[in-house]
Amino acid sequence: MASAKRNIRSLSDEELSNYLVSSGFPKFRIQQIGRWIWNNNACDFSVMHNLGDALICLLNEHFFIDKLQIKNTQISSDKTIKCGFSTHEGQIIEGVLIPTATRMTACISSQVGCSLACLFCATGKMKLEKNLSPGEIVDQVVMLEQLAQKHYEKGLSNIVLMGMGEPLLNYSNVLTAIAILTDPNRYGISPKRITLSTAGIAKMIRKLGDDKVRFNLALSLHAADDTKRSEVMEINQTNNLDALSDALVYFHEQTKTRITFEYILFQDFNDSLEDAAKLSTFAKCVPCKINLIEYNPIGDGKFHRSNAKKTEDFRNYLEQKNLVVNVRRSRGKDIDAACGQLANKVP
């Protein structure tokens, strides 16, 4: 029985090199294949005309390219674009292009579904189906970049891993994808333009420190009180605030990178000045900035957005404690592309 084809974009350069040499092909072919796959965004071996018929035949026989396909797009009244991407197996993930006056941001996914079940997040209502491969993560950036050029005649300025899934539970593939995106010989994106957002897995935050990553880290906090945070984020039961604080201190010691705390304000749950005081105390553990985010409904009625006065009072309190605070206004709400809404509705 013939062996199943392998995903060529999941192989390391060393693995592919060993395969080519053992099959009687010179090592330099790996650079040619890599340019076709990554730089030229090829989706079929047949277009790789400089490889020769024999190598193309071999690649077709033993490998496949797991390219994403754009299944659908929606454009918001605020010009945000949401894409539904179809995987090689037919699963759907979502990515978002967010244009503003100063930035063009691609918000991308790392998993099909999610296992963390945060109460305020539509993706958390899905089951986890699979980890995205490095190629599937990179594809989202490439395709959103193309949409940015087509619709707005601008390239991407930033990439955020804040879409579907928990990036640190797909650690190896996510870091491989970031390495490809930041490789000067491939896409050459500065790591400082990339932000990874996590719900908070302490041992993996420490691993980021050990690996001396150069991209930015954001922690989805949403409460600086263990009881409240555990109520809305199950992950806090095994990764409490003390554990996260210690991990963040270690991460900063290893990377010298400032942390971003993301904090959704829920009406009468975490938006009091007492909550702000707890947040200000927790945030002092590392150099940081705080993004206050307005809640976007996901149709279950469990939470409501904090009102404008409470939001402003909360912000003022934090700023009086000498913290850097931004209030993030959600974009793409009318197409369910805003924070927490991905996978809520499929057109």
C-alpha atoms as a PDB file:
ATOM      1  CA  MET A   1       0.000   0.000   0.000  1.00  0.00           C
ATOM      2  CA  ALA A   2       1.382   3.397  -0.999  1.00  0.00           C
ATOM      3  CA  SER A   3       2.275   5.725   1.856  1.00  0.00           C
ATOM      4  CA  ALA A   4       0.142   8.841   2.354  1.00  0.00           C
ATOM      5  CA  LYS A   5       1.398  12.075   0.881  1.00  0.00           C
ATOM      6  CA  ARG A   6       3.143  14.450   3.289  1.00  0.00           C
ATOM      7  CA  ASN A   7       2.564  18.161   3.638  1.00  0.00           C
ATOM      8  CA  ILE A   8       5.748  19.651   2.189  1.00  0.00           C
ATOM      9  CA  ARG A   9       5.301  22.905   4.102  1.00  0.00           C
ATOM     10  CA  SER A  10       5.477  21.023   7.401  1.00  0.00           C
ATOM     11  CA  LEU A  11       9.000  19.729   6.689  1.00  0.00           C
ATOM     12  CA  SER A  12      12.079  21.480   7.997  1.00  0.00           C
ATOM     13  CA  ASP A  13      14.779  22.463   5.528  1.00  0.00           C
ATOM     14  CA  GLU A  14      16.926  19.641   6.922  1.00  0.00           C
ATOM     15  CA  GLU A  15      14.187  17.040   6.440  1.00  0.00           C
ATOM     16  CA  LEU A  16      13.519  18.137   2.876  1.00  0.00           C
ATOM     17  CA  SER A  17      17.232  18.312   2.086  1.00  0.00           C
ATOM     18  CA  ASN A  18      17.786  14.755   3.349  1.00  0.00           C
ATOM     19  CA  TYR A  19      14.849  13.541   1.284  1.00  0.00           C
ATOM     20  CA  LEU A  20      16.106  15.192  -1.906  1.00  0.00           C
ATOM     21  CA  VAL A  21      19.641  13.856  -1.500  1.00  0.00           C
ATOM     22  CA  SER A  22      18.433  10.322  -0.732  1.00  0.00           C
ATOM     23  CA  SER A  23      16.298  10.509  -3.885  1.00  0.00           C
ATOM     24  CA  GLY A  24      19.278  11.510  -6.012  1.00  0.00           C
ATOM     25  CA  PHE A  25      18.689  15.248  -6.319  1.00  0.00           C
ATOM     26  CA  PRO A  26      21.188  17.994  -5.428  1.00  0.00           C
ATOM     27  CA  LYS A  27      20.784  20.041  -2.246  1.00  0.00           C
ATOM     28  CA  PHE A  28      20.463  23.339  -4.090  1.00  0.00           C
ATOM     29  CA  ARG A  29      16.965  22.309  -5.185  1.00  0.00           C
ATOM     30  CA  ILE A  30      15.728  23.013  -1.659  1.00  0.00           C
ATOM     31  CA  GLN A  31      16.291  26.755  -2.136  1.00  0.00           C
ATOM     32  CA  GLN A  32      14.379  26.650  -5.416  1.00  0.00           C
ATOM     33  CA  ILE A  33      11.477  24.750  -3.861  1.00  0.00           C
ATOM     34  CA  GLY A  34      11.446  27.136  -0.899  1.00  0.00           C
ATOM     35  CA  ARG A  35      11.257  30.178  -3.173  1.00  0.00           C
ATOM     36  CA  TRP A  36       8.340  28.686  -5.070  1.00  0.00           C
ATOM     37  CA  ILE A  37       6.440  27.729  -1.919  1.00  0.00           C
ATOM     38  CA  TRP A  38       7.049  30.823   0.177  1.00  0.00           C
ATOM     39  CA  ASN A  39       8.205  33.728  -1.983  1.00  0.00           C
ATOM     40  CA  ASN A  40       6.054  32.923  -5.031  1.00  0.00           C
ATOM     41  CA  ASN A  41       3.116  31.518  -3.060  1.00  0.00           C
ATOM     42  CA  ALA A  42       2.848  28.489  -5.363  1.00  0.00           C
ATOM     43  CA  CYS A  43      -0.067  26.128  -4.787  1.00  0.00           C
ATOM     44  CA  ASP A  44       0.939  23.413  -7.268  1.00  0.00           C
ATOM     45  CA  PHE A  45       4.243  21.689  -8.051  1.00  0.00           C
ATOM     46  CA  SER A  46       3.531  21.841 -11.787  1.00  0.00           C
ATOM     47  CA  VAL A  47       4.283  25.590 -11.887  1.00  0.00           C
ATOM     48  CA  MET A  48       7.817  25.063 -10.556  1.00  0.00           C
ATOM     49  CA  HIS A  49       9.261  24.984 -14.066  1.00  0.00           C
ATOM     50  CA  ASN A  50      12.942  25.274 -13.109  1.00  0.00           C
ATOM     51  CA  LEU A  51      12.928  22.036 -11.065  1.00  0.00           C
ATOM     52  CA  GLY A  52      12.778  19.671 -14.009  1.00  0.00           C
ATOM     53  CA  ASP A  53      10.137  17.074 -14.852  1.00  0.00           C
ATOM     54  CA  ALA A  54      11.684  14.268 -12.778  1.00  0.00           C
ATOM     55  CA  LEU A  55      11.684  16.250  -9.517  1.00  0.00           C
ATOM     56  CA  ILE A  56       8.213  17.673 -10.154  1.00  0.00           C
ATOM     57  CA  CYS A  57       6.942  14.127 -10.703  1.00  0.00           C
ATOM     58  CA  LEU A  58       8.571  12.956  -7.459  1.00  0.00           C
ATOM     59  CA  LEU A  59       7.119  15.863  -5.464  1.00  0.00           C
ATOM     60  CA  ASN A  60       3.636  15.257  -6.877  1.00  0.00           C
ATOM     61  CA  GLU A  61       3.882  11.587  -5.940  1.00  0.00           C
ATOM     62  CA  HIS A  62       4.981  12.042  -2.337  1.00  0.00           C
ATOM     63  CA  PHE A  63       3.875  15.516  -1.188  1.00  0.00           C
ATOM     64  CA  PHE A  64       1.037  18.035  -1.224  1.00  0.00           C
ATOM     65  CA  ILE A  65       0.884  21.791  -0.559  1.00  0.00           C
ATOM     66  CA  ASP A  66      -1.686  22.640   2.111  1.00  0.00           C
ATOM     67  CA  LYS A  67      -2.757  25.975   0.645  1.00  0.00           C
ATOM     68  CA  LEU A  68      -5.692  27.839   2.129  1.00  0.00           C
ATOM     69  CA  GLN A  69      -8.414  29.014  -0.210  1.00  0.00           C
ATOM     70  CA  ILE A  70     -10.581  32.088   0.332  1.00  0.00           C
ATOM     71  CA  LYS A  71     -14.113  30.781   0.799  1.00  0.00           C
ATOM     72  CA  ASN A  72     -15.853  34.112   1.372  1.00  0.00           C
ATOM     73  CA  THR A  73     -15.191  37.747   2.220  1.00  0.00           C
ATOM     74  CA  GLN A  74     -17.289  40.400   3.938  1.00  0.00           C
ATOM     75  CA  ILE A  75     -16.563  44.113   4.027  1.00  0.00           C
ATOM     76  CA  SER A  76     -17.742  46.147   7.001  1.00  0.00           C
ATOM     77  CA  SER A  77     -19.119  49.665   6.868  1.00  0.00           C
ATOM     78  CA  ASP A  78     -15.864  50.741   8.568  1.00  0.00           C
ATOM     79  CA  LYS A  79     -13.819  49.022   5.785  1.00  0.00           C
ATOM     80  CA  THR A  80     -12.766  46.064   7.920  1.00  0.00           C
ATOM     81  CA  ILE A  81     -12.615  42.887   5.808  1.00  0.00           C
ATOM     82  CA  LYS A  82     -13.335  39.425   7.220  1.00  0.00           C
ATOM     83  CA  CYS A  83     -12.223  36.361   5.289  1.00  0.00           C
ATOM     84  CA  GLY A  84     -13.378  32.793   5.645  1.00  0.00           C
ATOM     85  CA  PHE A  85     -10.482  30.542   4.650  1.00  0.00           C
ATOM     86  CA  SER A  86     -10.957  26.894   3.711  1.00  0.00           C
ATOM     87  CA  THR A  87      -8.223  24.454   4.767  1.00  0.00           C
ATOM     88  CA  HIS A  88      -6.957  21.539   2.670  1.00  0.00           C
ATOM     89  CA  GLU A  89      -9.418  19.311   4.584  1.00  0.00           C
ATOM     90  CA  GLY A  90     -12.351  21.696   4.081  1.00  0.00           C
ATOM     91  CA  GLN A  91     -12.490  23.270   7.562  1.00  0.00           C
ATOM     92  CA  ILE A  92     -13.204  27.003   7.832  1.00  0.00           C
ATOM     93  CA  ILE A  93     -11.101  29.509   9.761  1.00  0.00           C
ATOM     94  CA  GLU A  94     -11.387  33.281   9.821  1.00  0.00           C
ATOM     95  CA  GLY A  95      -8.951  36.143   9.491  1.00  0.00           C
ATOM     96  CA  VAL A  96      -9.554  39.896   9.523  1.00  0.00           C
ATOM     97  CA  LEU A  97      -7.965  42.867   7.782  1.00  0.00           C
ATOM     98  CA  ILE A  98      -8.283  46.005   9.915  1.00  0.00           C
ATOM     99  CA  PRO A  99      -7.476  49.309   8.188  1.00  0.00           C
ATOM    100  CA  THR A 100      -7.076  52.508  10.182  1.00  0.00           C
ATOM    101  CA  ALA A 101      -5.594  55.908   9.408  1.00  0.00           C
ATOM    102  CA  THR A 102      -2.178  54.826  10.643  1.00  0.00           C
ATOM    103  CA  ARG A 103      -2.135  51.014  10.400  1.00  0.00           C
ATOM    104  CA  MET A 104      -3.093  48.079   8.220  1.00  0.00           C
ATOM    105  CA  THR A 105      -3.395  45.096  10.538  1.00  0.00           C
ATOM    106  CA  ALA A 106      -3.902  41.412   9.744  1.00  0.00           C
ATOM    107  CA  CYS A 107      -5.592  39.500  12.570  1.00  0.00           C
ATOM    108  CA  ILE A 108      -4.961  35.797  11.998  1.00  0.00           C
ATOM    109  CA  SER A 109      -5.921  32.441  13.492  1.00  0.00           C
ATOM    110  CA  SER A 110      -3.704  29.664  14.855  1.00  0.00           C
ATOM    111  CA  GLN A 111      -6.209  26.821  15.297  1.00  0.00           C
ATOM    112  CA  VAL A 112      -9.479  25.567  13.845  1.00  0.00           C
ATOM    113  CA  GLY A 113     -11.737  26.170  16.845  1.00  0.00           C
ATOM    114  CA  CYS A 114     -10.429  26.442  20.397  1.00  0.00           C
ATOM    115  CA  SER A 115     -10.282  24.281  23.514  1.00  0.00           C
ATOM    116  CA  LEU A 116     -10.308  27.050  26.140  1.00  0.00           C
ATOM    117  CA  ALA A 117     -14.044  27.918  26.194  1.00  0.00           C
ATOM    118  CA  CYS A 118     -13.739  31.528  27.412  1.00  0.00           C
ATOM    119  CA  LEU A 119     -17.326  32.632  28.066  1.00  0.00           C
ATOM    120  CA  PHE A 120     -17.152  35.914  26.153  1.00  0.00           C
ATOM    121  CA  CYS A 121     -15.642  34.469  22.964  1.00  0.00           C
ATOM    122  CA  ALA A 122     -17.594  32.951  20.058  1.00  0.00           C
ATOM    123  CA  THR A 123     -14.672  30.755  19.026  1.00  0.00           C
ATOM    124  CA  GLY A 124     -14.680  29.278  22.536  1.00  0.00           C
ATOM    125  CA  LYS A 125     -18.087  27.780  21.780  1.00  0.00           C
ATOM    126  CA  MET A 126     -16.542  25.647  19.061  1.00  0.00           C
ATOM    127  CA  LYS A 127     -14.628  22.447  19.642  1.00  0.00           C
ATOM    128  CA  LEU A 128     -10.954  22.327  18.741  1.00  0.00           C
ATOM    129  CA  GLU A 129     -10.608  20.579  15.397  1.00  0.00           C
ATOM    130  CA  LYS A 130      -6.911  20.958  14.611  1.00  0.00           C
ATOM    131  CA  ASN A 131      -3.767  23.038  14.875  1.00  0.00           C
ATOM    132  CA  LEU A 132      -3.014  25.078  11.781  1.00  0.00           C
ATOM    133  CA  SER A 133       0.235  24.255  10.022  1.00  0.00           C
ATOM    134  CA  PRO A 134       2.954  26.887   9.566  1.00  0.00           C
ATOM    135  CA  GLY A 135       1.913  27.235   5.937  1.00  0.00           C
ATOM    136  CA  GLU A 136      -1.741  27.785   6.811  1.00  0.00           C
ATOM    137  CA  ILE A 137      -0.771  30.502   9.290  1.00  0.00           C
ATOM    138  CA  VAL A 138       1.481  32.198   6.735  1.00  0.00           C
ATOM    139  CA  ASP A 139      -1.203  31.934   4.018  1.00  0.00           C
ATOM    140  CA  GLN A 140      -3.566  34.131   6.018  1.00  0.00           C
ATOM    141  CA  VAL A 141      -0.970  36.902   6.115  1.00  0.00           C
ATOM    142  CA  VAL A 142      -0.211  36.584   2.408  1.00  0.00           C
ATOM    143  CA  MET A 143      -3.877  36.650   1.388  1.00  0.00           C
ATOM    144  CA  LEU A 144      -4.791  39.526   3.712  1.00  0.00           C
ATOM    145  CA  GLU A 145      -1.799  41.443   2.351  1.00  0.00           C
ATOM    146  CA  GLN A 146      -3.167  40.903  -1.170  1.00  0.00           C
ATOM    147  CA  LEU A 147      -6.581  42.203  -0.075  1.00  0.00           C
ATOM    148  CA  ALA A 148      -4.939  45.241   1.521  1.00  0.00           C
ATOM    149  CA  GLN A 149      -3.191  46.061  -1.738  1.00  0.00           C
ATOM    150  CA  LYS A 150      -6.313  45.409  -3.821  1.00  0.00           C
ATOM    151  CA  HIS A 151      -8.780  47.411  -1.733  1.00  0.00           C
ATOM    152  CA  TYR A 152      -6.610  50.068  -0.073  1.00  0.00           C
ATOM    153  CA  GLU A 153      -3.345  50.115  -2.070  1.00  0.00           C
ATOM    154  CA  LYS A 154      -1.370  49.639   1.132  1.00  0.00           C
ATOM    155  CA  GLY A 155       0.730  46.843   2.551  1.00  0.00           C
ATOM    156  CA  LEU A 156       0.383  45.370   6.021  1.00  0.00           C
ATOM    157  CA  SER A 157       1.915  47.302   8.892  1.00  0.00           C
ATOM    158  CA  ASN A 158       1.102  44.837  11.697  1.00  0.00           C
ATOM    159  CA  ILE A 159       0.193  41.206  12.310  1.00  0.00           C
ATOM    160  CA  VAL A 160      -1.672  40.037  15.406  1.00  0.00           C
ATOM    161  CA  LEU A 161      -2.305  36.420  16.340  1.00  0.00           C
ATOM    162  CA  MET A 162      -5.619  37.230  17.963  1.00  0.00           C
ATOM    163  CA  GLY A 163      -7.992  35.220  15.777  1.00  0.00           C
ATOM    164  CA  MET A 164      -9.360  31.741  16.350  1.00  0.00           C
ATOM    165  CA  GLY A 165      -7.446  29.467  18.725  1.00  0.00           C
ATOM    166  CA  GLU A 166      -4.778  29.715  21.417  1.00  0.00           C
ATOM    167  CA  PRO A 167      -1.365  30.266  19.767  1.00  0.00           C
ATOM    168  CA  LEU A 168       0.627  28.836  22.674  1.00  0.00           C
ATOM    169  CA  LEU A 169      -1.212  25.505  22.316  1.00  0.00           C
ATOM    170  CA  ASN A 170       0.138  25.338  18.763  1.00  0.00           C
ATOM    171  CA  TYR A 171       3.565  26.516  19.842  1.00  0.00           C
ATOM    172  CA  SER A 172       5.887  24.842  17.333  1.00  0.00           C
ATOM    173  CA  ASN A 173       3.807  25.642  14.250  1.00  0.00           C
ATOM    174  CA  VAL A 174       3.204  29.240  15.337  1.00  0.00           C
ATOM    175  CA  LEU A 175       6.887  29.918  15.966  1.00  0.00           C
ATOM    176  CA  THR A 176       7.835  28.246  12.676  1.00  0.00           C
ATOM    177  CA  ALA A 177       5.312  30.460  10.860  1.00  0.00           C
ATOM    178  CA  ILE A 178       6.695  33.587  12.557  1.00  0.00           C
ATOM    179  CA  ALA A 179      10.223  32.507  11.595  1.00  0.00           C
ATOM    180  CA  ILE A 180       9.098  32.222   7.958  1.00  0.00           C
ATOM    181  CA  LEU A 181       7.354  35.604   8.053  1.00  0.00           C
ATOM    182  CA  THR A 182      10.383  37.328   9.580  1.00  0.00           C
ATOM    183  CA  ASP A 183      13.027  35.558   7.445  1.00  0.00           C
ATOM    184  CA  PRO A 184      14.739  38.280   5.340  1.00  0.00           C
ATOM    185  CA  ASN A 185      14.927  35.805   2.439  1.00  0.00           C
ATOM    186  CA  ARG A 186      11.197  35.090   2.564  1.00  0.00           C
ATOM    187  CA  TYR A 187       8.799  37.821   3.770  1.00  0.00           C
ATOM    188  CA  GLY A 188      11.150  39.940   5.869  1.00  0.00           C
ATOM    189  CA  ILE A 189       8.532  41.259   8.311  1.00  0.00           C
ATOM    190  CA  SER A 190       9.997  42.824  11.449  1.00  0.00           C
ATOM    191  CA  PRO A 191       9.190  40.761  14.561  1.00  0.00           C
ATOM    192  CA  LYS A 192       8.321  44.015  16.318  1.00  0.00           C
ATOM    193  CA  ARG A 193       5.342  44.294  13.969  1.00  0.00           C
ATOM    194  CA  ILE A 194       3.987  40.949  15.187  1.00  0.00           C
ATOM    195  CA  THR A 195       1.987  40.448  18.393  1.00  0.00           C
ATOM    196  CA  LEU A 196       1.012  37.075  19.837  1.00  0.00           C
ATOM    197  CA  SER A 197      -1.998  37.134  22.150  1.00  0.00           C
ATOM    198  CA  THR A 198      -2.485  34.393  24.716  1.00  0.00           C
ATOM    199  CA  ALA A 199      -5.189  33.534  27.228  1.00  0.00           C
ATOM    200  CA  GLY A 200      -2.353  32.778  29.632  1.00  0.00           C
ATOM    201  CA  ILE A 201      -0.400  29.511  29.790  1.00  0.00           C
ATOM    202  CA  ALA A 202       2.391  30.142  32.252  1.00  0.00           C
ATOM    203  CA  LYS A 203       4.835  27.398  31.236  1.00  0.00           C
ATOM    204  CA  MET A 204       4.566  28.366  27.572  1.00  0.00           C
ATOM    205  CA  ILE A 205       5.121  32.054  28.362  1.00  0.00           C
ATOM    206  CA  ARG A 206       8.295  30.945  30.109  1.00  0.00           C
ATOM    207  CA  LYS A 207       9.231  28.927  27.018  1.00  0.00           C
ATOM    208  CA  LEU A 208       8.847  32.070  24.911  1.00  0.00           C
ATOM    209  CA  GLY A 209      11.390  33.647  27.241  1.00  0.00           C
ATOM    210  CA  ASP A 210      13.729  30.668  26.948  1.00  0.00           C
ATOM    211  CA  ASP A 211      13.473  30.905  23.164  1.00  0.00           C
ATOM    212  CA  LYS A 212      14.324  34.639  23.333  1.00  0.00           C
ATOM    213  CA  VAL A 213      11.512  35.564  20.960  1.00  0.00           C
ATOM    214  CA  ARG A 214      11.605  39.052  19.499  1.00  0.00           C
ATOM    215  CA  PHE A 215       7.913  39.555  18.749  1.00  0.00           C
ATOM    216  CA  ASN A 216       5.426  41.221  21.107  1.00  0.00           C
ATOM    217  CA  LEU A 217       3.344  39.415  23.716  1.00  0.00           C
ATOM    218  CA  ALA A 218      -0.190  40.310  24.798  1.00  0.00           C
ATOM    219  CA  LEU A 219      -2.022  38.656  27.686  1.00  0.00           C
ATOM    220  CA  SER A 220      -5.824  38.443  27.616  1.00  0.00           C
ATOM    221  CA  LEU A 221      -6.414  39.344  31.249  1.00  0.00           C
ATOM    222  CA  HIS A 222     -10.004  40.639  31.614  1.00  0.00           C
ATOM    223  CA  ALA A 223      -9.896  40.466  35.421  1.00  0.00           C
ATOM    224  CA  ALA A 224      -7.111  40.924  37.960  1.00  0.00           C
ATOM    225  CA  ASP A 225      -8.991  38.842  40.511  1.00  0.00           C
ATOM    226  CA  ASP A 226      -8.664  35.044  40.424  1.00  0.00           C
ATOM    227  CA  THR A 227     -12.301  34.404  41.284  1.00  0.00           C
ATOM    228  CA  LYS A 228     -13.632  36.657  38.545  1.00  0.00           C
ATOM    229  CA  ARG A 229     -11.062  35.571  35.971  1.00  0.00           C
ATOM    230  CA  SER A 230     -11.786  31.887  36.601  1.00  0.00           C
ATOM    231  CA  GLU A 231     -15.478  32.607  36.121  1.00  0.00           C
ATOM    232  CA  VAL A 232     -14.983  33.811  32.544  1.00  0.00           C
ATOM    233  CA  MET A 233     -11.745  31.990  31.632  1.00  0.00           C
ATOM    234  CA  GLU A 234     -11.399  28.354  32.685  1.00  0.00           C
ATOM    235  CA  ILE A 235      -7.676  28.459  31.927  1.00  0.00           C
ATOM    236  CA  ASN A 236      -7.212  30.582  35.075  1.00  0.00           C
ATOM    237  CA  GLN A 237      -8.016  27.556  37.236  1.00  0.00           C
ATOM    238  CA  THR A 238      -4.705  25.984  36.200  1.00  0.00           C
ATOM    239  CA  ASN A 239      -2.829  29.181  35.351  1.00  0.00           C
ATOM    240  CA  ASN A 240      -3.745  31.665  38.072  1.00  0.00           C
ATOM    241  CA  LEU A 241      -2.625  35.261  38.358  1.00  0.00           C
ATOM    242  CA  ASP A 242       0.379  34.500  40.576  1.00  0.00           C
ATOM    243  CA  ALA A 243       1.647  31.915  38.095  1.00  0.00           C
ATOM    244  CA  LEU A 244       1.110  34.303  35.194  1.00  0.00           C
ATOM    245  CA  SER A 245       2.824  37.157  37.015  1.00  0.00           C
ATOM    246  CA  ASP A 246       5.897  35.013  37.682  1.00  0.00           C
ATOM    247  CA  ALA A 247       5.960  33.833  34.057  1.00  0.00           C
ATOM    248  CA  LEU A 248       5.654  37.370  32.710  1.00  0.00           C
ATOM    249  CA  VAL A 249       8.487  38.587  34.926  1.00  0.00           C
ATOM    250  CA  TYR A 250      10.650  35.745  33.592  1.00  0.00           C
ATOM    251  CA  PHE A 251       9.630  36.500  29.986  1.00  0.00           C
ATOM    252  CA  HIS A 252      10.542  40.162  30.389  1.00  0.00           C
ATOM    253  CA  GLU A 253      13.872  39.322  32.022  1.00  0.00           C
ATOM    254  CA  GLN A 254      14.772  37.144  29.029  1.00  0.00           C
ATOM    255  CA  THR A 255      13.457  39.348  26.205  1.00  0.00           C
ATOM    256  CA  LYS A 256      13.259  42.925  27.593  1.00  0.00           C
ATOM    257  CA  THR A 257       9.921  43.211  25.756  1.00  0.00           C
ATOM    258  CA  ARG A 258       7.068  45.277  27.192  1.00  0.00           C
ATOM    259  CA  ILE A 259       3.863  43.302  27.785  1.00  0.00           C
ATOM    260  CA  THR A 260       0.396  44.321  26.619  1.00  0.00           C
ATOM    261  CA  PHE A 261      -2.545  43.533  28.906  1.00  0.00           C
ATOM    262  CA  GLU A 262      -5.880  43.177  27.121  1.00  0.00           C
ATOM    263  CA  TYR A 263      -8.890  43.923  29.295  1.00  0.00           C
ATOM    264  CA  ILE A 264     -12.470  43.713  28.036  1.00  0.00           C
ATOM    265  CA  LEU A 265     -14.794  45.851  30.142  1.00  0.00           C
ATOM    266  CA  PHE A 266     -18.013  44.014  31.046  1.00  0.00           C
ATOM    267  CA  GLN A 267     -20.849  45.996  32.591  1.00  0.00           C
ATOM    268  CA  ASP A 268     -21.089  45.512  36.388  1.00  0.00           C
ATOM    269  CA  PHE A 269     -18.612  42.635  36.333  1.00  0.00           C
ATOM    270  CA  ASN A 270     -15.075  43.968  36.026  1.00  0.00           C
ATOM    271  CA  ASP A 271     -15.519  47.703  35.394  1.00  0.00           C
ATOM    272  CA  SER A 272     -15.549  49.208  38.884  1.00  0.00           C
ATOM    273  CA  LEU A 273     -12.800  51.345  40.370  1.00  0.00           C
ATOM    274  CA  GLU A 274     -12.072  48.441  42.727  1.00  0.00           C
ATOM    275  CA  ASP A 275     -11.403  46.316  39.648  1.00  0.00           C
ATOM    276  CA  ALA A 276      -9.206  49.085  38.261  1.00  0.00           C
ATOM    277  CA  ALA A 277      -7.220  49.128  41.505  1.00  0.00           C
ATOM    278  CA  LYS A 278      -6.602  45.373  41.274  1.00  0.00           C
ATOM    279  CA  LEU A 279      -5.548  45.734  37.648  1.00  0.00           C
ATOM    280  CA  SER A 280      -3.144  48.557  38.457  1.00  0.00           C
ATOM    281  CA  THR A 281      -1.518  46.431  41.155  1.00  0.00           C
ATOM    282  CA  PHE A 282      -1.168  43.387  38.918  1.00  0.00           C
ATOM    283  CA  ALA A 283       0.107  45.412  35.957  1.00  0.00           C
ATOM    284  CA  LYS A 284       3.036  46.761  37.959  1.00  0.00           C
ATOM    285  CA  CYS A 285       4.713  43.310  37.796  1.00  0.00           C
ATOM    286  CA  VAL A 286       6.307  44.157  34.416  1.00  0.00           C
ATOM    287  CA  PRO A 287       6.712  47.139  32.089  1.00  0.00           C
ATOM    288  CA  CYS A 288       3.440  47.186  30.205  1.00  0.00           C
ATOM    289  CA  LYS A 289       0.658  48.978  28.441  1.00  0.00           C
ATOM    290  CA  ILE A 290      -3.045  48.268  28.918  1.00  0.00           C
ATOM    291  CA  ASN A 291      -5.614  48.029  26.150  1.00  0.00           C
ATOM    292  CA  LEU A 292      -9.161  48.531  27.388  1.00  0.00           C
ATOM    293  CA  ILE A 293     -11.484  46.818  24.914  1.00  0.00           C
ATOM    294  CA  GLU A 294     -15.210  47.293  24.459  1.00  0.00           C
ATOM    295  CA  TYR A 295     -17.214  44.086  24.661  1.00  0.00           C
ATOM    296  CA  ASN A 296     -18.744  42.767  21.444  1.00  0.00           C
ATOM    297  CA  PRO A 297     -21.926  40.705  21.892  1.00  0.00           C
ATOM    298  CA  ILE A 298     -21.898  37.092  20.691  1.00  0.00           C
ATOM    299  CA  GLY A 299     -25.629  36.509  20.933  1.00  0.00           C
ATOM    300  CA  ASP A 300     -25.956  34.757  24.282  1.00  0.00           C
ATOM    301  CA  GLY A 301     -26.853  37.763  26.456  1.00  0.00           C
ATOM    302  CA  LYS A 302     -24.441  36.788  29.252  1.00  0.00           C
ATOM    303  CA  PHE A 303     -22.461  40.016  29.164  1.00  0.00           C
ATOM    304  CA  HIS A 304     -23.027  43.646  28.250  1.00  0.00           C
ATOM    305  CA  ARG A 305     -20.677  46.443  27.311  1.00  0.00           C
ATOM    306  CA  SER A 306     -19.579  48.833  30.034  1.00  0.00           C
ATOM    307  CA  ASN A 307     -20.950  52.339  29.577  1.00  0.00           C
ATOM    308  CA  ALA A 308     -18.882  55.307  28.413  1.00  0.00           C
ATOM    309  CA  LYS A 309     -18.623  56.968  31.843  1.00  0.00           C
ATOM    310  CA  LYS A 310     -17.413  53.842  33.597  1.00  0.00           C
ATOM    311  CA  THR A 311     -14.913  53.238  30.813  1.00  0.00           C
ATOM    312  CA  GLU A 312     -13.547  56.766  31.138  1.00  0.00           C
ATOM    313  CA  ASP A 313     -13.408  56.574  34.959  1.00  0.00           C
ATOM    314  CA  PHE A 314     -11.584  53.237  34.699  1.00  0.00           C
ATOM    315  CA  ARG A 315      -9.090  54.681  32.262  1.00  0.00           C
ATOM    316  CA  ASN A 316      -8.506  57.812  34.348  1.00  0.00           C
ATOM    317  CA  TYR A 317      -7.838  55.730  37.461  1.00  0.00           C
ATOM    318  CA  LEU A 318      -5.179  53.683  35.681  1.00  0.00           C
ATOM    319  CA  GLU A 319      -3.535  56.748  34.176  1.00  0.00           C
ATOM    320  CA  GLN A 320      -3.373  58.328  37.634  1.00  0.00           C
ATOM    321  CA  LYS A 321      -1.323  55.269  38.610  1.00  0.00           C
ATOM    322  CA  ASN A 322       1.136  56.165  35.827  1.00  0.00           C
ATOM    323  CA  LEU A 323       0.088  53.324  33.561  1.00  0.00           C
ATOM    324  CA  VAL A 324      -0.052  53.589  29.752  1.00  0.00           C
ATOM    325  CA  VAL A 325      -3.671  53.009  28.699  1.00  0.00           C
ATOM    326  CA  ASN A 326      -5.411  52.837  25.330  1.00  0.00           C
ATOM    327  CA  VAL A 327      -9.144  52.419  24.785  1.00  0.00           C
ATOM    328  CA  ARG A 328      -9.657  50.182  21.744  1.00  0.00           C
ATOM    329  CA  ARG A 329     -12.819  50.791  19.744  1.00  0.00           C
ATOM    330  CA  SER A 330     -13.991  47.633  18.032  1.00  0.00           C
ATOM    331  CA  ARG A 331     -14.106  47.466  14.250  1.00  0.00           C
ATOM    332  CA  GLY A 332     -16.049  45.167  11.981  1.00  0.00           C
ATOM    333  CA  LYS A 333     -18.916  44.625  14.427  1.00  0.00           C
ATOM    334  CA  ASP A 334     -21.552  44.609  11.677  1.00  0.00           C
ATOM    335  CA  ILE A 335     -19.920  41.563  10.040  1.00  0.00           C
ATOM    336  CA  ASP A 336     -19.033  39.791  13.317  1.00  0.00           C
ATOM    337  CA  ALA A 337     -15.346  40.472  12.770  1.00  0.00           C
ATOM    338  CA  ALA A 338     -14.680  42.316  16.032  1.00  0.00           C
ATOM    339  CA  CYS A 339     -12.780  41.013  19.043  1.00  0.00           C
ATOM    340  CA  GLY A 340     -14.377  37.815  20.360  1.00  0.00           C
ATOM    341  CA  GLN A 341     -16.838  37.416  17.476  1.00  0.00           C
ATOM    342  CA  LEU A 342     -14.931  35.185  15.061  1.00  0.00           C
ATOM    343  CA  ALA A 343     -16.869  32.042  14.090  1.00  0.00           C
ATOM    344  CA  ASN A 344     -20.055  33.504  15.532  1.00  0.00           C
ATOM    345  CA  LYS A 345     -21.814  33.580  12.169  1.00  0.00           C
ATOM    346  CA  VAL A 346     -20.972  32.172   8.769  1.00  0.00           C
ATOM    347  CA  PRO A 347     -22.394  34.034   5.729  1.00  0.00           C
END
